[in-house]
């Protein structure tokens, strides 16, 4: 019977709050990872982020609407990271 009461509580909960909190935590964690990699001059980390960021860019772009701008931003950041690595920064 507890399954049904859990389902009722879960159905009434605003999932947007969880989404915003999860995305915020992920953004903070990625910021920390990037600062740590930069302070250590860890070029391999930055190189490995480029393909994933390009994939993220494609997924955002395919969502359409306002997500296209997020895709452009992510793809541009990935391209700039790849270019900086190519130049040896």
N, C-alpha and C. Protein backbone atom coordinates (compact mmCIF):
# COMPACT_ATOMS: atom_id res chain seq x y z
N UNK A 1 0.81 -1.20 0.00
CA UNK A 1 0.00 0.00 0.00
C UNK A 1 0.86 1.27 0.00
N UNK A 2 2.07 1.18 0.57
CA UNK A 2 2.93 2.36 0.63
C UNK A 2 3.33 2.84 -0.75
N UNK A 3 3.33 1.93 -1.73
CA UNK A 3 3.69 2.32 -3.09
C UNK A 3 2.71 3.35 -3.63
N UNK A 4 1.44 3.15 -3.36
CA UNK A 4 0.43 4.08 -3.85
C UNK A 4 0.55 5.44 -3.18
N UNK A 5 0.81 5.47 -1.88
CA UNK A 5 0.96 6.76 -1.19
C UNK A 5 2.21 7.48 -1.68
N UNK A 6 3.28 6.74 -1.95
CA UNK A 6 4.49 7.34 -2.50
C UNK A 6 4.22 7.93 -3.87
N UNK A 7 3.45 7.20 -4.69
CA UNK A 7 3.13 7.67 -6.04
C UNK A 7 2.31 8.95 -5.98
N UNK A 8 1.41 9.06 -5.04
CA UNK A 8 0.59 10.27 -4.91
C UNK A 8 1.45 11.45 -4.50
N UNK A 9 2.33 11.26 -3.54
CA UNK A 9 3.23 12.35 -3.12
C UNK A 9 4.15 12.75 -4.26
N UNK A 10 4.71 11.77 -4.95
CA UNK A 10 5.63 12.03 -6.05
C UNK A 10 4.92 12.74 -7.20
N UNK A 11 3.69 12.36 -7.48
CA UNK A 11 2.94 12.98 -8.58
C UNK A 11 2.64 14.43 -8.28
N UNK A 12 2.49 14.80 -7.03
CA UNK A 12 2.18 16.19 -6.66
C UNK A 12 3.42 17.05 -6.51
N UNK A 13 4.60 16.45 -6.55
CA UNK A 13 5.83 17.21 -6.36
C UNK A 13 6.22 17.92 -7.65
N UNK A 14 6.71 19.12 -7.52
CA UNK A 14 7.11 19.91 -8.69
C UNK A 14 8.49 19.44 -9.15
N UNK A 15 8.55 18.77 -10.28
CA UNK A 15 9.81 18.24 -10.79
C UNK A 15 10.74 19.35 -11.29
N UNK A 16 10.20 20.52 -11.56
CA UNK A 16 11.05 21.62 -12.01
C UNK A 16 12.07 22.00 -10.94
N UNK A 17 11.68 21.92 -9.69
CA UNK A 17 12.59 22.25 -8.60
C UNK A 17 13.78 21.29 -8.62
N UNK A 18 13.51 20.00 -8.76
CA UNK A 18 14.61 19.03 -8.81
C UNK A 18 15.50 19.25 -10.02
N UNK A 19 14.90 19.58 -11.15
CA UNK A 19 15.67 19.81 -12.37
C UNK A 19 16.60 21.00 -12.21
N UNK A 20 16.09 22.08 -11.68
CA UNK A 20 16.90 23.29 -11.49
C UNK A 20 18.03 23.01 -10.49
N UNK A 21 17.72 22.34 -9.41
CA UNK A 21 18.75 22.03 -8.41
C UNK A 21 19.82 21.10 -9.00
N UNK A 22 19.40 20.09 -9.75
CA UNK A 22 20.35 19.16 -10.36
C UNK A 22 21.26 19.86 -11.37
N UNK A 23 20.68 20.69 -12.21
CA UNK A 23 21.48 21.42 -13.20
C UNK A 23 22.41 22.41 -12.54
N UNK A 24 21.96 23.04 -11.48
CA UNK A 24 22.82 23.99 -10.76
C UNK A 24 24.02 23.29 -10.15
N UNK A 25 23.78 22.15 -9.54
CA UNK A 25 24.87 21.40 -8.94
C UNK A 25 25.86 20.92 -10.00
N UNK A 26 25.35 20.46 -11.13
CA UNK A 26 26.22 20.01 -12.22
C UNK A 26 27.06 21.16 -12.76
N UNK A 27 26.46 22.34 -12.90
CA UNK A 27 27.20 23.50 -13.41
C UNK A 27 28.30 23.92 -12.44
N UNK A 28 28.01 23.90 -11.16
CA UNK A 28 29.04 24.25 -10.17
C UNK A 28 30.17 23.23 -10.20
N UNK A 29 29.82 21.95 -10.26
CA UNK A 29 30.85 20.91 -10.30
C UNK A 29 31.73 21.05 -11.54
N UNK A 30 31.12 21.29 -12.69
CA UNK A 30 31.91 21.44 -13.91
C UNK A 30 32.83 22.67 -13.82
N UNK A 31 32.33 23.73 -13.24
CA UNK A 31 33.18 24.92 -13.05
C UNK A 31 34.40 24.60 -12.20
N UNK A 32 34.19 23.82 -11.15
CA UNK A 32 35.31 23.42 -10.28
C UNK A 32 36.28 22.53 -11.04
N UNK A 33 35.74 21.58 -11.82
CA UNK A 33 36.62 20.70 -12.61
C UNK A 33 37.47 21.51 -13.58
N UNK A 34 36.84 22.47 -14.25
CA UNK A 34 37.57 23.28 -15.23
C UNK A 34 38.64 24.14 -14.55
N UNK A 35 38.33 24.73 -13.40
CA UNK A 35 39.33 25.54 -12.69
C UNK A 35 40.49 24.67 -12.22
N UNK A 36 40.19 23.48 -11.71
CA UNK A 36 41.24 22.58 -11.26
C UNK A 36 42.12 22.14 -12.43
N UNK A 37 41.50 21.79 -13.55
CA UNK A 37 42.28 21.37 -14.72
C UNK A 37 43.13 22.52 -15.24
N UNK A 38 42.60 23.74 -15.23
CA UNK A 38 43.37 24.89 -15.70
C UNK A 38 44.55 25.16 -14.77
N UNK A 39 44.32 25.06 -13.47
CA UNK A 39 45.42 25.34 -12.53
C UNK A 39 46.53 24.29 -12.65
N UNK A 40 46.16 23.08 -13.06
CA UNK A 40 47.14 22.01 -13.23
C UNK A 40 47.68 21.94 -14.66
N UNK A 41 47.19 22.83 -15.52
CA UNK A 41 47.55 22.82 -16.94
C UNK A 41 47.32 21.42 -17.54
N UNK A 42 46.16 20.87 -17.24
CA UNK A 42 45.79 19.52 -17.67
C UNK A 42 45.12 19.60 -19.05
N UNK A 43 45.92 19.60 -20.08
CA UNK A 43 45.40 19.73 -21.45
C UNK A 43 44.59 18.51 -21.89
N UNK A 44 44.93 17.35 -21.37
CA UNK A 44 44.19 16.14 -21.73
C UNK A 44 42.73 16.25 -21.29
N UNK A 45 42.49 16.80 -20.12
CA UNK A 45 41.11 17.00 -19.66
C UNK A 45 40.34 17.85 -20.65
N UNK A 46 40.92 18.97 -21.04
CA UNK A 46 40.24 19.87 -21.98
C UNK A 46 40.04 19.20 -23.34
N UNK A 47 41.02 18.42 -23.78
CA UNK A 47 40.89 17.71 -25.05
C UNK A 47 39.73 16.71 -25.00
N UNK A 48 39.59 16.02 -23.88
CA UNK A 48 38.53 15.02 -23.75
C UNK A 48 37.15 15.65 -23.61
N UNK A 49 37.08 16.91 -23.22
CA UNK A 49 35.76 17.56 -23.11
C UNK A 49 35.21 17.99 -24.46
N UNK A 50 36.08 18.18 -25.44
CA UNK A 50 35.63 18.71 -26.74
C UNK A 50 34.60 17.80 -27.42
N UNK A 51 34.84 16.49 -27.58
CA UNK A 51 33.82 15.66 -28.24
C UNK A 51 32.48 15.63 -27.48
N UNK A 52 32.56 15.58 -26.15
CA UNK A 52 31.33 15.53 -25.37
C UNK A 52 30.56 16.84 -25.48
N UNK A 53 31.27 17.95 -25.50
CA UNK A 53 30.60 19.24 -25.65
C UNK A 53 29.99 19.39 -27.03
N UNK A 54 30.65 18.83 -28.05
CA UNK A 54 30.06 18.86 -29.39
C UNK A 54 28.79 18.01 -29.45
N UNK A 55 28.81 16.86 -28.80
CA UNK A 55 27.62 16.02 -28.73
C UNK A 55 26.50 16.74 -27.99
N UNK A 56 26.83 17.38 -26.90
CA UNK A 56 25.85 18.16 -26.15
C UNK A 56 25.27 19.26 -27.02
N UNK A 57 26.11 19.90 -27.80
CA UNK A 57 25.67 20.96 -28.71
C UNK A 57 24.66 20.43 -29.71
N UNK A 58 24.92 19.26 -30.26
CA UNK A 58 24.00 18.66 -31.24
C UNK A 58 22.67 18.32 -30.59
N UNK A 59 22.72 17.76 -29.39
CA UNK A 59 21.48 17.41 -28.68
C UNK A 59 20.67 18.67 -28.39
N UNK A 60 21.31 19.72 -27.90
CA UNK A 60 20.60 20.97 -27.64
C UNK A 60 20.00 21.53 -28.93
N UNK A 61 20.76 21.53 -30.00
CA UNK A 61 20.29 22.08 -31.28
C UNK A 61 19.05 21.33 -31.76
N UNK A 62 19.07 20.02 -31.62
CA UNK A 62 17.95 19.20 -32.10
C UNK A 62 16.69 19.37 -31.26
N UNK A 63 16.82 19.93 -30.06
CA UNK A 63 15.64 20.17 -29.23
C UNK A 63 14.80 21.32 -29.79
N UNK A 64 15.45 22.19 -30.54
CA UNK A 64 14.73 23.31 -31.16
C UNK A 64 14.39 24.41 -30.16
N UNK A 65 13.70 25.40 -30.64
CA UNK A 65 13.28 26.51 -29.79
C UNK A 65 14.46 27.25 -29.18
N UNK A 66 14.31 27.60 -27.92
CA UNK A 66 15.37 28.36 -27.24
C UNK A 66 16.59 27.49 -26.94
N UNK A 67 16.47 26.17 -27.08
CA UNK A 67 17.61 25.30 -26.86
C UNK A 67 18.66 25.45 -27.95
N UNK A 68 18.26 25.97 -29.11
CA UNK A 68 19.23 26.15 -30.19
C UNK A 68 20.35 27.11 -29.77
N UNK A 69 20.00 28.15 -29.04
CA UNK A 69 21.03 29.10 -28.60
C UNK A 69 21.99 28.43 -27.62
N UNK A 70 21.47 27.56 -26.76
CA UNK A 70 22.35 26.81 -25.85
C UNK A 70 23.28 25.90 -26.65
N UNK A 71 22.77 25.33 -27.74
CA UNK A 71 23.59 24.50 -28.61
C UNK A 71 24.70 25.29 -29.28
N UNK A 72 24.37 26.49 -29.74
CA UNK A 72 25.37 27.35 -30.37
C UNK A 72 26.44 27.72 -29.34
N UNK A 73 26.01 28.08 -28.14
CA UNK A 73 26.94 28.47 -27.08
C UNK A 73 27.87 27.31 -26.73
N UNK A 74 27.32 26.12 -26.56
CA UNK A 74 28.12 24.95 -26.19
C UNK A 74 29.07 24.56 -27.32
N UNK A 75 28.57 24.57 -28.55
CA UNK A 75 29.41 24.23 -29.69
C UNK A 75 30.52 25.25 -29.91
N UNK A 76 30.19 26.52 -29.71
CA UNK A 76 31.20 27.57 -29.83
C UNK A 76 32.28 27.42 -28.77
N UNK A 77 31.87 27.10 -27.55
CA UNK A 77 32.85 26.88 -26.48
C UNK A 77 33.74 25.69 -26.76
N UNK A 78 33.16 24.64 -27.31
CA UNK A 78 33.96 23.46 -27.66
C UNK A 78 34.94 23.79 -28.78
N UNK A 79 34.48 24.53 -29.78
CA UNK A 79 35.36 24.91 -30.89
C UNK A 79 36.51 25.81 -30.41
N UNK A 80 36.19 26.75 -29.53
CA UNK A 80 37.24 27.63 -28.99
C UNK A 80 38.25 26.84 -28.14
N UNK A 81 37.74 25.88 -27.38
CA UNK A 81 38.64 25.04 -26.58
C UNK A 81 39.57 24.24 -27.49
N UNK A 82 39.01 23.64 -28.54
CA UNK A 82 39.84 22.88 -29.50
C UNK A 82 40.86 23.78 -30.18
N UNK A 83 40.46 24.98 -30.56
CA UNK A 83 41.37 25.92 -31.22
C UNK A 83 42.49 26.35 -30.28
N UNK A 84 42.14 26.63 -29.03
CA UNK A 84 43.16 27.01 -28.04
C UNK A 84 44.16 25.88 -27.82
N UNK A 85 43.66 24.65 -27.77
CA UNK A 85 44.56 23.51 -27.62
C UNK A 85 45.46 23.35 -28.84
N UNK A 86 44.90 23.58 -30.01
CA UNK A 86 45.68 23.50 -31.25
C UNK A 86 46.81 24.53 -31.24
N UNK A 87 46.51 25.75 -30.77
CA UNK A 87 47.53 26.80 -30.73
C UNK A 87 48.53 26.61 -29.59
N UNK A 88 48.22 25.72 -28.66
CA UNK A 88 49.14 25.42 -27.58
C UNK A 88 48.93 26.24 -26.33
N UNK A 89 47.77 26.83 -26.18
CA UNK A 89 47.50 27.60 -24.95
C UNK A 89 47.19 26.69 -23.81
